[in-house]
Amino acid sequence: MPVVIIGWGVYDKLTEKEKKEFALVANYETAFFYECYEYEYAKGNINYEWSDLCFKSQEELLEFFGYEIIEDLNADAVYAKRLETDAEEDLENLMQLSEDGNQVKVIRAQ
């Protein structure tokens, strides 16, 4: 079953009822990325590329929020919910709420 991920910019525009359908998945801060890279480099992993369950790379995360550099992250939150297979209209409505970046993404649940 697919999962829709939305950023805080979309989440803040939802009604209280709609917000209850989503769960907070993660908060992203610049310091977190510095710590990840410092830890991996200290272990000798100089080819480390950050990723998590929601984003395949740091660049994908930045594009999602509409940022150009990692220093722009400041406790940016990501929310998620499972979608029914026929949820095209729901996705279109969420995409219209996205002003910065493209704060709507669909992934396959693992």
Protein backbone atom coordinates (compact mmCIF):
# COMPACT_ATOMS: atom_id res chain seq x y z
CA MET A 1 0.00 0.00 0.00
CA PRO A 2 1.47 3.40 -0.93
CA VAL A 3 2.34 6.05 1.66
CA VAL A 4 2.03 9.78 1.07
CA ILE A 5 4.62 12.01 2.70
CA ILE A 6 3.96 15.72 3.18
CA GLY A 7 6.07 18.54 4.54
CA TRP A 8 5.12 20.95 7.29
CA GLY A 9 4.10 23.59 4.71
CA VAL A 10 1.29 21.36 3.46
CA TYR A 11 0.46 19.93 6.89
CA ASP A 12 -0.11 23.41 8.37
CA LYS A 13 -2.77 24.13 5.74
CA LEU A 14 -4.84 21.02 6.51
CA THR A 15 -7.96 21.08 8.65
CA GLU A 16 -7.72 19.61 12.15
CA LYS A 17 -9.64 16.55 10.94
CA GLU A 18 -7.22 16.04 8.03
CA LYS A 19 -4.19 16.51 10.31
CA LYS A 20 -5.35 13.61 12.48
CA GLU A 21 -4.94 11.27 9.49
CA PHE A 22 -1.17 11.97 9.38
CA ALA A 23 1.61 10.90 11.73
CA LEU A 24 4.82 12.83 12.38
CA VAL A 25 7.65 10.82 10.81
CA ALA A 26 10.74 12.99 11.27
CA ASN A 27 12.17 16.44 11.97
CA TYR A 28 15.20 17.51 9.97
CA GLU A 29 17.77 20.01 11.26
CA THR A 30 21.07 21.15 9.82
CA ALA A 31 23.02 20.02 12.92
CA PHE A 32 21.76 16.45 12.42
CA PHE A 33 23.40 16.25 8.99
CA TYR A 34 26.68 17.66 10.27
CA GLU A 35 26.70 15.03 13.02
CA CYS A 36 25.95 12.18 10.56
CA TYR A 37 28.78 13.19 8.25
CA GLU A 38 31.25 13.78 11.09
CA TYR A 39 30.46 10.35 12.56
CA GLU A 40 30.84 8.55 9.24
CA TYR A 41 34.03 10.40 8.34
CA ALA A 42 35.49 9.58 11.78
CA LYS A 43 34.84 5.90 11.00
CA GLY A 44 36.73 6.33 7.73
CA ASN A 45 33.65 6.25 5.50
CA ILE A 46 34.57 9.19 3.26
CA ASN A 47 32.06 8.12 0.59
CA TYR A 48 29.08 8.35 2.96
CA GLU A 49 25.81 9.51 1.41
CA TRP A 50 22.95 10.27 3.78
CA SER A 51 19.53 8.66 3.24
CA ASP A 52 16.57 7.51 5.31
CA LEU A 53 13.19 5.81 4.80
CA CYS A 54 11.63 8.93 3.25
CA PHE A 55 14.45 10.34 1.12
CA LYS A 56 17.17 8.68 -0.97
CA SER A 57 19.60 11.59 -0.60
CA GLN A 58 20.20 14.94 1.00
CA GLU A 59 19.55 16.57 -2.37
CA GLU A 60 16.13 14.93 -2.61
CA LEU A 61 15.27 16.22 0.87
CA LEU A 62 16.34 19.76 -0.03
CA GLU A 63 14.32 19.67 -3.24
CA PHE A 64 11.28 18.42 -1.31
CA PHE A 65 11.37 21.49 0.96
CA GLY A 66 12.44 23.91 -1.78
CA TYR A 67 15.85 24.67 -0.23
CA GLU A 68 19.18 25.06 -1.97
CA ILE A 69 21.56 24.47 0.94
CA ILE A 70 21.46 22.23 4.00
CA GLU A 71 21.80 25.25 6.33
CA ASP A 72 18.23 26.23 5.42
CA LEU A 73 16.83 23.25 7.34
CA ASN A 74 15.43 24.31 10.68
CA ALA A 75 13.33 21.61 12.35
CA ASP A 76 11.43 20.93 9.12
CA ALA A 77 8.86 18.23 9.80
CA VAL A 78 7.62 15.41 7.58
CA TYR A 79 4.27 13.66 8.06
CA ALA A 80 2.89 10.49 6.47
CA LYS A 81 -0.24 8.40 6.03
CA ARG A 82 -1.17 5.26 4.13
CA LEU A 83 -3.19 5.78 0.97
CA GLU A 84 -5.95 3.74 -0.48
CA THR A 85 -5.06 2.53 -3.95
CA ASP A 86 -7.45 5.00 -5.62
CA ALA A 87 -6.41 8.28 -4.01
CA GLU A 88 -5.62 10.43 -7.05
CA GLU A 89 -7.98 13.20 -5.96
CA ASP A 90 -6.43 13.31 -2.47
CA LEU A 91 -2.96 13.69 -3.98
CA GLU A 92 -4.05 16.49 -6.29
CA ASN A 93 -5.60 18.38 -3.36
CA LEU A 94 -2.40 18.00 -1.30
CA MET A 95 -0.19 19.13 -4.19
CA GLN A 96 -2.20 22.33 -4.55
CA LEU A 97 -1.28 23.19 -0.93
CA SER A 98 2.46 22.92 -1.62
CA GLU A 99 4.03 26.34 -2.15
CA ASP A 100 7.71 25.72 -1.36
CA GLY A 101 9.43 22.89 -3.17
CA ASN A 102 7.20 19.92 -3.77
CA GLN A 103 6.19 18.91 -0.28
CA VAL A 104 4.17 15.90 -1.43
CA LYS A 105 5.73 12.53 -2.20
CA VAL A 106 4.38 9.01 -2.59
CA ILE A 107 6.46 5.98 -1.69
CA ARG A 108 5.75 2.28 -1.48
CA ALA A 109 5.50 0.96 2.08
CA GLN A 110 8.22 -1.50 2.92
